[in-house]
Amino acid sequence: MLKHIAGVLSPAARGRGGVKVAHNKNTENCKIIRMPAPEKVVLPMQQHIGAPCTPTVKVGDTVKVGQVIGDSDKFISAPIHSSISGKVTAIADTVLANGRQAPAVTIESDGEMALFEGIEVPVVNNADDFRKAVRDSGLVGLGGAGFPSHVKFALSPDKPIDTIVVNAAECEPHITVDYRECLDNTLYIIRSLMIIKEYLNIPHAVIAVEDNKPAAIEKLQKVADEVGDGSIKVMALKSRYPQGAEKMIVYSATGRKIPLGKLPADVGVIVMNVTSTAFIGRYLETGKPLVSRSLTVDGSAIIKPQNVRVPIGTNLNELIDFCGGFKPDLDKVIAGGPMMGTALVNTNVPIIKSYNAVLAFSKGTIPEKPDNNCIRCGRCSQVCPMGLMPTNIMRSVKVRDFDGLKQSNVIACMQCGTCAYACPAGRPLVQYLVLAKDMLREEGAK
């Protein structure tokens, strides 16, 4: 049972594992600044979990802001829209931040940023209209996962949903764009929640925020009380990484455990990122699809850390230049957060929908742990929120013990990095866990 304290829901002590990380929310007081449109964008056709899109334009075509340039007939997919107006100059493979290649549409700007004439405010009268509108918007999870949002709203009669949990935890260090969304676009968040609840017939909503963000909690609760119907509650979560992970936040907010291999819908819950939630409210008012997103640019090697609104497809180097550039002692660049982000070997990559941060660190900022022998301390198991035994999994990988890997439940690993963070021996545990899952998939395919 959730206990109501001073207008804010506070969960009982739940869950296990996790680590206390330095917050380093250096840009929490930086309002989001809109970056000028670049001269060129490169829009990969793979910007989400699921089926990639196929280009719907050809070289030489003239396009405008908000025009569909890539789509798929697969259910788990989302259309891609032009973020600038101009001419399509190339359709060719490009390299993404994770090193993989994907087809991409290159558009050179005409300097006008003209809106596509076909943009209209969607007409929504029922649940089907609502789901279609969300798909047409191109929305995917803006918290980093990149899962097509309309798929979450495709409810099944045998899996009734009674609660929507809005994830505003933002538990990774440095990232503050969700926090700014809570402060600067609070009304859109609450309005959007009311719309989702109405069309999908979901009775309860919880906005879950870590308790190290009191200003966001206060503002959200104030607006919810003013314009809500009493069914939207704000919950202060214990500040502990990875509190914002899907399984963790569902358990903290509702007390429900998501079984292995299941989704939040299997326990009657939908989870939405707070920035994604606010976007739905804006889209239903304006009809303008997802063509830009906000990112935190921070770290000891960034000259001017700030939160920036960027047209999707902008080259990462141009974003860094807008923030003053790198300091001379640059050591590491990460797309995403420091715990789960992707370390880049090349910054000549396009920004895609799922990026919520770009972090750059100077030499000596990130301590290097030498890879020593395991000292059997058990800390990796103690902090694992899924109760796994990472050292056992690592040994099974090394000897290719597939039976051991199957029994280890490694497929439940969310790659949060808590095991490696806590390991005093500096073991590369996350890499072994990822390799273990890949090995099981390959074995299953055989």
Protein backbone atom coordinates (compact mmCIF):
# COMPACT_ATOMS: atom_id res chain seq x y z
CA MET A 1 0.00 0.00 0.00
CA LEU A 2 1.36 3.42 -0.96
CA LYS A 3 1.53 5.98 1.81
CA HIS A 4 0.59 9.61 1.14
CA ILE A 5 2.93 12.10 2.79
CA ALA A 6 2.70 15.90 2.35
CA GLY A 7 0.97 15.60 -1.01
CA VAL A 8 3.68 13.35 -2.46
CA LEU A 9 3.51 9.58 -2.57
CA SER A 10 6.44 7.95 -0.84
CA PRO A 11 7.07 4.23 -1.42
CA ALA A 12 7.94 1.84 1.32
CA ALA A 13 11.49 0.55 1.25
CA ARG A 14 11.47 -1.87 -1.63
CA GLY A 15 13.84 -3.74 -3.88
CA ARG A 16 17.44 -4.73 -3.57
CA GLY A 17 20.75 -3.89 -5.06
CA GLY A 18 21.74 -0.70 -6.82
CA VAL A 19 24.55 1.72 -6.05
CA LYS A 20 24.89 5.27 -4.86
CA VAL A 21 26.48 7.29 -7.66
CA ALA A 22 27.63 10.89 -7.77
CA HIS A 23 24.82 12.95 -9.31
CA ASN A 24 26.95 15.66 -10.99
CA LYS A 25 23.81 17.45 -12.21
CA ASN A 26 25.90 20.42 -13.35
CA THR A 27 23.34 21.66 -15.89
CA GLU A 28 20.22 21.38 -13.71
CA ASN A 29 19.76 25.16 -13.74
CA CYS A 30 20.45 25.51 -17.49
CA LYS A 31 17.24 26.04 -19.42
CA ILE A 32 17.17 24.28 -22.77
CA ILE A 33 18.65 26.39 -25.60
CA ARG A 34 17.65 25.79 -29.20
CA MET A 35 20.60 25.16 -31.52
CA PRO A 36 20.43 26.81 -34.97
CA ALA A 37 19.59 24.46 -37.82
CA PRO A 38 22.68 22.87 -39.40
CA GLU A 39 23.55 23.12 -43.08
CA LYS A 40 23.12 19.35 -43.43
CA VAL A 41 21.49 16.48 -41.56
CA VAL A 42 22.02 12.73 -41.89
CA LEU A 43 18.92 10.79 -40.86
CA PRO A 44 19.57 7.06 -40.25
CA MET A 45 16.70 4.73 -41.03
CA GLN A 46 17.39 2.81 -37.80
CA GLN A 47 16.66 5.12 -34.86
CA HIS A 48 14.60 2.82 -32.66
CA ILE A 49 14.22 -0.72 -31.36
CA GLY A 50 12.45 -2.77 -34.01
CA ALA A 51 12.31 -2.87 -37.80
CA PRO A 52 14.34 -0.22 -39.67
CA CYS A 53 12.58 2.18 -42.00
CA THR A 54 12.87 2.29 -45.78
CA PRO A 55 13.48 5.69 -47.43
CA THR A 56 10.31 7.16 -48.94
CA VAL A 57 12.23 9.84 -50.83
CA LYS A 58 14.91 9.75 -53.51
CA VAL A 59 18.01 11.78 -54.30
CA GLY A 60 17.05 15.15 -55.74
CA ASP A 61 13.72 15.40 -53.91
CA THR A 62 12.86 18.63 -52.07
CA VAL A 63 11.60 18.06 -48.52
CA LYS A 64 10.31 20.21 -45.69
CA VAL A 65 10.36 20.06 -41.89
CA GLY A 66 8.05 17.32 -40.63
CA GLN A 67 7.75 15.47 -43.93
CA VAL A 68 8.04 11.67 -43.73
CA ILE A 69 11.30 10.53 -45.33
CA GLY A 70 11.37 6.94 -44.01
CA ASP A 71 8.76 4.43 -42.90
CA SER A 72 8.04 0.72 -42.45
CA ASP A 73 4.97 -1.50 -42.62
CA LYS A 74 6.18 -3.44 -39.56
CA PHE A 75 4.31 -2.97 -36.30
CA ILE A 76 7.38 -2.37 -34.12
CA SER A 77 8.74 0.60 -36.04
CA ALA A 78 8.21 4.36 -36.23
CA PRO A 79 8.37 6.77 -39.17
CA ILE A 80 11.24 9.22 -39.57
CA HIS A 81 10.65 12.85 -40.53
CA SER A 82 12.87 15.50 -42.06
CA SER A 83 14.27 17.87 -39.41
CA ILE A 84 15.17 20.62 -41.89
CA SER A 85 13.90 21.81 -45.27
CA GLY A 86 16.10 21.34 -48.31
CA LYS A 87 17.16 18.80 -50.91
CA VAL A 88 17.94 15.09 -50.55
CA THR A 89 21.55 14.76 -51.70
CA ALA A 90 22.37 11.16 -50.79
CA ILE A 91 20.92 7.86 -49.59
CA ALA A 92 23.77 5.71 -48.35
CA ASP A 93 25.03 3.82 -45.32
CA THR A 94 26.29 5.80 -42.35
CA VAL A 95 28.07 4.76 -39.15
CA LEU A 96 26.14 5.09 -35.88
CA ALA A 97 27.57 5.73 -32.42
CA ASN A 98 27.54 2.00 -31.62
CA GLY A 99 29.74 1.28 -34.64
CA ARG A 100 27.00 -0.33 -36.71
CA GLN A 101 26.03 0.85 -40.16
CA ALA A 102 22.55 1.82 -41.27
CA PRO A 103 21.07 3.35 -44.44
CA ALA A 104 20.59 7.10 -44.06
CA VAL A 105 19.02 10.00 -45.94
CA THR A 106 21.23 13.10 -46.24
CA ILE A 107 19.47 16.45 -46.62
CA GLU A 108 21.19 19.76 -47.39
CA SER A 109 19.41 22.78 -45.94
CA ASP A 110 17.88 25.55 -48.01
CA GLY A 111 18.11 27.83 -44.98
CA GLU A 112 14.35 28.31 -44.75
CA MET A 113 13.23 25.63 -42.23
CA ALA A 114 9.87 25.61 -44.03
CA LEU A 115 7.19 23.43 -42.44
CA PHE A 116 5.63 20.65 -44.50
CA GLU A 117 2.18 21.70 -45.75
CA GLY A 118 0.70 18.34 -44.78
CA ILE A 119 1.21 18.92 -41.05
CA GLU A 120 -2.17 18.98 -39.33
CA VAL A 121 -3.39 18.73 -35.77
CA PRO A 122 -4.49 15.08 -35.46
CA VAL A 123 -8.18 14.36 -34.94
CA VAL A 124 -8.50 12.03 -31.97
CA ASN A 125 -11.88 10.70 -30.90
CA ASN A 126 -11.04 7.24 -29.59
CA ALA A 127 -8.22 4.87 -28.64
CA ASP A 128 -7.49 3.83 -32.23
CA ASP A 129 -7.20 7.47 -33.32
CA PHE A 130 -4.87 8.11 -30.40
CA ARG A 131 -2.59 5.17 -31.21
CA LYS A 132 -2.45 6.19 -34.88
CA ALA A 133 -1.57 9.75 -33.92
CA VAL A 134 1.29 8.59 -31.68
CA ARG A 135 2.66 6.39 -34.47
CA ASP A 136 2.35 9.17 -37.06
CA SER A 137 4.31 11.47 -34.75
CA GLY A 138 7.38 9.21 -34.98
CA LEU A 139 7.69 9.10 -31.19
CA VAL A 140 10.06 6.59 -29.61
CA GLY A 141 11.23 6.43 -26.01
CA LEU A 142 13.23 9.61 -25.40
CA GLY A 143 14.83 8.34 -22.21
CA GLY A 144 17.40 6.36 -24.18
CA ALA A 145 15.65 3.05 -24.94
CA GLY A 146 14.15 4.15 -28.26
CA PHE A 147 11.14 1.79 -28.17
CA PRO A 148 8.29 2.90 -30.51
CA SER A 149 5.73 4.48 -28.19
CA HIS A 150 2.58 3.47 -30.06
CA VAL A 151 3.40 -0.20 -29.41
CA LYS A 152 3.06 0.38 -25.66
CA PHE A 153 -0.46 1.67 -26.23
CA ALA A 154 -1.59 -1.38 -28.22
CA LEU A 155 -3.44 -2.87 -25.28
CA SER A 156 -4.61 -6.48 -25.16
CA PRO A 157 -7.97 -7.42 -23.60
CA ASP A 158 -6.31 -10.24 -21.67
CA LYS A 159 -3.78 -7.80 -20.15
CA PRO A 160 -5.82 -4.99 -18.58
CA ILE A 161 -3.80 -1.88 -17.69
CA ASP A 162 -4.71 0.00 -14.53
CA THR A 163 -1.64 2.22 -14.01
CA ILE A 164 0.63 4.38 -16.11
CA VAL A 165 4.02 5.14 -14.55
CA VAL A 166 5.81 8.23 -15.86
CA ASN A 167 9.56 7.76 -15.46
CA ALA A 168 11.10 11.03 -14.32
CA ALA A 169 13.78 9.40 -12.14
CA GLU A 170 16.73 10.38 -14.37
CA CYS A 171 19.08 8.40 -12.15
CA GLU A 172 22.19 8.54 -14.37
CA PRO A 173 24.80 11.16 -13.43
CA HIS A 174 25.07 14.41 -15.44
CA ILE A 175 21.84 14.09 -17.48
CA THR A 176 19.26 16.82 -16.67
CA VAL A 177 16.95 17.14 -19.73
CA ASP A 178 14.12 15.21 -18.04
CA TYR A 179 14.50 17.40 -14.96
CA ARG A 180 14.21 20.53 -17.12
CA GLU A 181 11.13 19.03 -18.79
CA CYS A 182 9.52 18.62 -15.37
CA LEU A 183 10.17 22.27 -14.52
CA ASP A 184 9.65 23.96 -17.90
CA ASN A 185 6.87 21.89 -19.50
CA THR A 186 4.92 20.68 -16.48
CA LEU A 187 1.53 21.54 -17.92
CA TYR A 188 2.16 19.46 -21.06
CA ILE A 189 3.12 16.48 -18.90
CA ILE A 190 -0.09 16.61 -16.87
CA ARG A 191 -2.33 17.35 -19.88
CA SER A 192 -0.77 14.52 -21.82
CA LEU A 193 -1.33 12.12 -18.93
CA MET A 194 -4.99 13.11 -18.74
CA ILE A 195 -5.38 12.42 -22.47
CA ILE A 196 -3.64 9.04 -22.29
CA LYS A 197 -5.74 8.00 -19.30
CA GLU A 198 -8.95 9.07 -21.03
CA TYR A 199 -8.45 7.35 -24.40
CA LEU A 200 -6.90 4.18 -23.01
CA ASN A 201 -9.22 4.01 -19.99
CA ILE A 202 -6.39 3.80 -17.45
CA PRO A 203 -7.61 4.81 -13.97
CA HIS A 204 -4.31 5.59 -12.20
CA ALA A 205 -1.13 7.49 -13.01
CA VAL A 206 2.09 7.91 -11.01
CA ILE A 207 4.89 10.31 -11.87
CA ALA A 208 8.02 8.82 -10.27
CA VAL A 209 10.90 11.21 -9.46
CA GLU A 210 14.04 10.60 -7.45
CA ASP A 211 13.99 12.46 -4.14
CA ASN A 212 17.10 14.46 -5.04
CA LYS A 213 14.89 16.63 -7.31
CA PRO A 214 12.60 18.40 -4.81
CA ALA A 215 11.84 21.34 -7.14
CA ALA A 216 10.55 18.98 -9.83
CA ILE A 217 8.45 17.03 -7.31
CA GLU A 218 6.89 20.22 -5.95
CA LYS A 219 6.13 21.67 -9.40
CA LEU A 220 4.63 18.44 -10.75
CA GLN A 221 2.41 17.97 -7.70
CA LYS A 222 1.26 21.60 -7.80
CA VAL A 223 0.19 21.43 -11.45
CA ALA A 224 -1.34 17.97 -11.02
CA ASP A 225 -3.46 19.32 -8.18
CA GLU A 226 -4.49 22.37 -10.21
CA VAL A 227 -5.46 20.78 -13.54
CA GLY A 228 -5.68 17.05 -12.81
CA ASP A 229 -8.66 15.07 -11.62
CA GLY A 230 -7.03 13.62 -8.52
CA SER A 231 -5.92 10.41 -10.22
CA ILE A 232 -2.36 11.64 -10.96
CA LYS A 233 0.06 11.27 -8.06
CA VAL A 234 3.71 12.22 -7.73
CA MET A 235 6.01 9.72 -6.02
CA ALA A 236 9.39 10.52 -4.47
CA LEU A 237 11.73 7.60 -5.08
CA LYS A 238 14.85 6.82 -3.14
CA SER A 239 17.83 8.21 -5.02
CA ARG A 240 19.70 5.07 -5.98
CA TYR A 241 20.95 3.90 -9.37
CA PRO A 242 19.38 2.23 -11.43
CA GLN A 243 16.09 3.47 -9.99
CA GLY A 244 14.93 4.58 -13.46
CA ALA A 245 15.25 1.13 -15.04
CA GLU A 246 11.88 -0.18 -16.18
CA LYS A 247 11.62 -3.15 -13.83
CA MET A 248 12.94 -1.11 -10.91
CA ILE A 249 10.58 1.82 -11.33
CA VAL A 250 7.54 -0.42 -11.76
CA TYR A 251 8.40 -2.19 -8.52
CA SER A 252 9.11 1.06 -6.66
CA ALA A 253 5.93 2.74 -7.92
CA THR A 254 3.49 -0.17 -7.65
CA GLY A 255 5.12 -3.00 -5.70
CA ARG A 256 4.63 -5.30 -8.71
CA LYS A 257 7.42 -7.56 -9.96
CA ILE A 258 7.80 -8.08 -13.70
CA PRO A 259 8.57 -11.79 -14.29
CA LEU A 260 11.58 -12.83 -16.35
CA GLY A 261 10.86 -12.40 -20.04
CA LYS A 262 7.69 -10.37 -19.41
CA LEU A 263 6.79 -6.71 -19.96
CA PRO A 264 5.20 -4.09 -17.69
CA ALA A 265 1.88 -4.73 -19.46
CA ASP A 266 1.94 -8.25 -18.03
CA VAL A 267 1.53 -6.73 -14.55
CA GLY A 268 -0.98 -4.08 -15.61
CA VAL A 269 1.42 -1.17 -16.11
CA ILE A 270 2.59 1.10 -18.94
CA VAL A 271 5.88 2.96 -18.42
CA MET A 272 6.51 6.25 -20.25
CA ASN A 273 9.52 8.55 -20.11
CA VAL A 274 8.54 12.01 -18.87
CA THR A 275 9.88 13.83 -21.96
CA SER A 276 8.04 11.39 -24.23
CA THR A 277 4.87 12.07 -22.23
CA ALA A 278 5.20 15.84 -22.65
CA PHE A 279 5.83 15.42 -26.39
CA ILE A 280 2.47 13.68 -26.87
CA GLY A 281 0.70 16.69 -25.37
CA ARG A 282 2.53 19.11 -27.68
CA TYR A 283 1.98 16.95 -30.76
CA LEU A 284 -1.76 16.69 -30.20
CA GLU A 285 -1.88 20.52 -30.04
CA THR A 286 0.40 21.32 -32.99
CA GLY A 287 0.65 18.23 -35.21
CA LYS A 288 4.42 18.76 -35.48
CA PRO A 289 6.17 15.35 -35.40
CA LEU A 290 9.40 14.41 -33.66
CA VAL A 291 12.04 16.34 -35.61
CA SER A 292 14.25 17.56 -32.75
CA ARG A 293 15.13 16.55 -29.23
CA SER A 294 16.87 17.93 -26.14
CA LEU A 295 20.25 16.68 -24.93
CA THR A 296 22.51 17.39 -22.00
CA VAL A 297 26.04 18.25 -23.11
CA ASP A 298 28.32 18.03 -20.09
CA GLY A 299 31.55 16.68 -18.68
CA SER A 300 34.95 17.97 -17.64
CA ALA A 301 36.12 18.23 -21.28
CA ILE A 302 33.21 20.42 -22.47
CA ILE A 303 33.96 24.15 -22.53
CA LYS A 304 30.34 25.27 -22.09
CA PRO A 305 28.09 22.57 -20.60
CA GLN A 306 24.38 23.16 -21.28
CA ASN A 307 21.07 21.62 -22.32
CA VAL A 308 20.45 21.97 -26.04
CA ARG A 309 17.50 21.39 -28.40
CA VAL A 310 18.94 19.83 -31.55
CA PRO A 311 17.45 18.92 -34.95
CA ILE A 312 17.64 15.14 -35.30
CA GLY A 313 20.36 14.14 -37.76
CA THR A 314 22.71 16.95 -36.72
CA ASN A 315 26.36 15.91 -36.67
CA LEU A 316 27.60 15.41 -33.12
CA ASN A 317 30.69 17.55 -33.84
CA GLU A 318 28.45 20.52 -34.66
CA LEU A 319 26.65 20.12 -31.34
CA ILE A 320 29.99 20.11 -29.53
CA ASP A 321 31.10 23.23 -31.43
CA PHE A 322 27.87 24.94 -30.35
CA CYS A 323 28.88 24.18 -26.75
CA GLY A 324 32.32 25.76 -27.19
CA GLY A 325 34.15 22.63 -28.29
CA PHE A 326 36.31 20.11 -26.46
CA LYS A 327 39.04 21.06 -24.01
CA PRO A 328 42.57 20.08 -25.11
CA ASP A 329 42.87 17.23 -22.60
CA LEU A 330 39.88 15.28 -23.99
CA ASP A 331 40.01 11.60 -23.05
CA LYS A 332 36.57 10.01 -23.58
CA VAL A 333 33.26 10.87 -25.27
CA ILE A 334 30.04 9.05 -24.39
CA ALA A 335 26.67 9.09 -26.14
CA GLY A 336 24.18 8.74 -23.29
CA GLY A 337 24.90 8.49 -19.58
CA PRO A 338 28.20 7.42 -17.98
CA MET A 339 26.70 4.17 -16.66
CA MET A 340 24.88 2.82 -19.72
CA GLY A 341 26.01 5.07 -22.56
CA THR A 342 28.15 4.17 -25.58
CA ALA A 343 31.80 5.23 -25.62
CA LEU A 344 32.59 6.74 -29.01
CA VAL A 345 35.67 6.11 -31.09
CA ASN A 346 34.44 8.59 -33.70
CA THR A 347 32.42 11.77 -33.09
CA ASN A 348 31.51 12.13 -36.75
CA VAL A 349 28.10 10.54 -36.17
CA PRO A 350 24.52 11.84 -36.45
CA ILE A 351 22.35 12.52 -33.41
CA ILE A 352 19.35 10.19 -33.37
CA LYS A 353 16.05 10.14 -31.47
CA SER A 354 17.25 7.99 -28.57
CA TYR A 355 20.24 10.15 -27.50
CA ASN A 356 19.57 12.10 -24.32
CA ALA A 357 23.13 13.22 -23.59
CA VAL A 358 26.64 13.66 -24.95
CA LEU A 359 29.33 13.61 -22.27
CA ALA A 360 33.03 14.34 -22.68
CA PHE A 361 35.65 13.80 -20.00
CA SER A 362 39.22 15.01 -19.55
CA LYS A 363 42.18 12.78 -18.80
CA GLY A 364 42.16 11.69 -15.16
CA THR A 365 38.45 12.34 -14.65
CA ILE A 366 37.46 8.70 -14.99
CA PRO A 367 39.62 6.49 -12.77
CA GLU A 368 41.05 3.48 -14.55
CA LYS A 369 40.64 0.23 -12.65
CA PRO A 370 43.24 -2.42 -13.50
CA ASP A 371 41.70 -5.78 -14.38
CA ASN A 372 42.81 -7.89 -11.42
CA ASN A 373 41.81 -11.34 -10.25
CA CYS A 374 38.42 -11.74 -8.57
CA ILE A 375 38.75 -11.50 -4.76
CA ARG A 376 35.41 -13.31 -4.12
CA CYS A 377 33.98 -10.35 -2.23
CA GLY A 378 30.48 -10.82 -3.65
CA ARG A 379 29.82 -7.10 -4.15
CA CYS A 380 28.73 -7.61 -7.76
CA SER A 381 25.93 -9.91 -6.63
CA GLN A 382 24.97 -7.64 -3.74
CA VAL A 383 24.42 -4.61 -5.97
CA CYS A 384 22.83 -6.40 -8.94
CA PRO A 385 19.17 -5.30 -8.95
CA MET A 386 18.21 -8.54 -10.74
CA GLY A 387 19.96 -10.81 -8.23
CA LEU A 388 22.43 -12.26 -10.76
CA MET A 389 25.89 -13.64 -10.02
CA PRO A 390 28.12 -11.87 -12.55
CA THR A 391 31.36 -13.67 -11.65
CA ASN A 392 29.76 -17.08 -12.24
CA ILE A 393 28.40 -15.87 -15.58
CA MET A 394 31.84 -14.60 -16.55
CA ARG A 395 33.38 -18.00 -15.83
CA SER A 396 30.67 -19.73 -17.87
CA VAL A 397 31.43 -17.44 -20.82
CA LYS A 398 35.13 -18.19 -20.67
CA VAL A 399 34.60 -21.97 -20.84
CA ARG A 400 31.54 -21.69 -23.15
CA ASP A 401 29.30 -23.44 -20.63
CA PHE A 402 25.91 -22.92 -22.29
CA ASP A 403 24.04 -24.97 -19.69
CA GLY A 404 25.50 -22.77 -16.97
CA LEU A 405 24.52 -19.64 -18.85
CA LYS A 406 20.95 -20.87 -19.30
CA GLN A 407 20.65 -21.54 -15.57
CA SER A 408 22.17 -18.15 -14.68
CA ASN A 409 19.17 -16.10 -15.90
CA VAL A 410 21.65 -13.74 -17.61
CA ILE A 411 18.93 -12.79 -20.09
CA ALA A 412 17.46 -10.71 -17.24
CA CYS A 413 20.56 -8.48 -17.19
CA MET A 414 19.71 -4.87 -18.09
CA GLN A 415 23.38 -3.92 -18.54
CA CYS A 416 23.08 -1.19 -15.90
CA GLY A 417 26.76 -1.49 -14.98
CA THR A 418 26.31 -1.65 -11.21
CA CYS A 419 28.37 -4.85 -10.97
CA ALA A 420 31.39 -3.36 -12.73
CA TYR A 421 30.98 -0.09 -10.81
CA ALA A 422 31.16 -1.90 -7.47
CA CYS A 423 33.90 -4.40 -8.39
CA PRO A 424 37.14 -3.55 -6.52
CA ALA A 425 39.11 -5.81 -8.88
CA GLY A 426 38.11 -3.83 -11.96
CA ARG A 427 36.65 -6.85 -13.76
CA PRO A 428 34.91 -5.98 -17.09
CA LEU A 429 31.74 -7.71 -15.92
CA VAL A 430 29.26 -5.84 -18.12
CA GLN A 431 31.12 -6.84 -21.28
CA TYR A 432 31.01 -10.50 -20.22
CA LEU A 433 27.28 -10.27 -19.46
CA VAL A 434 26.61 -8.79 -22.90
CA LEU A 435 28.74 -11.50 -24.48
CA ALA A 436 26.85 -14.14 -22.50
CA LYS A 437 23.51 -12.96 -23.90
CA ASP A 438 24.91 -12.89 -27.42
CA MET A 439 26.24 -16.43 -27.01
CA LEU A 440 22.83 -17.70 -25.86
CA ARG A 441 21.08 -16.01 -28.78
CA GLU A 442 23.54 -17.53 -31.27
CA GLU A 443 23.16 -20.96 -29.68
CA GLY A 444 19.37 -20.61 -29.79
CA ALA A 445 19.50 -19.64 -33.45
CA LYS A 446 21.42 -22.81 -34.25
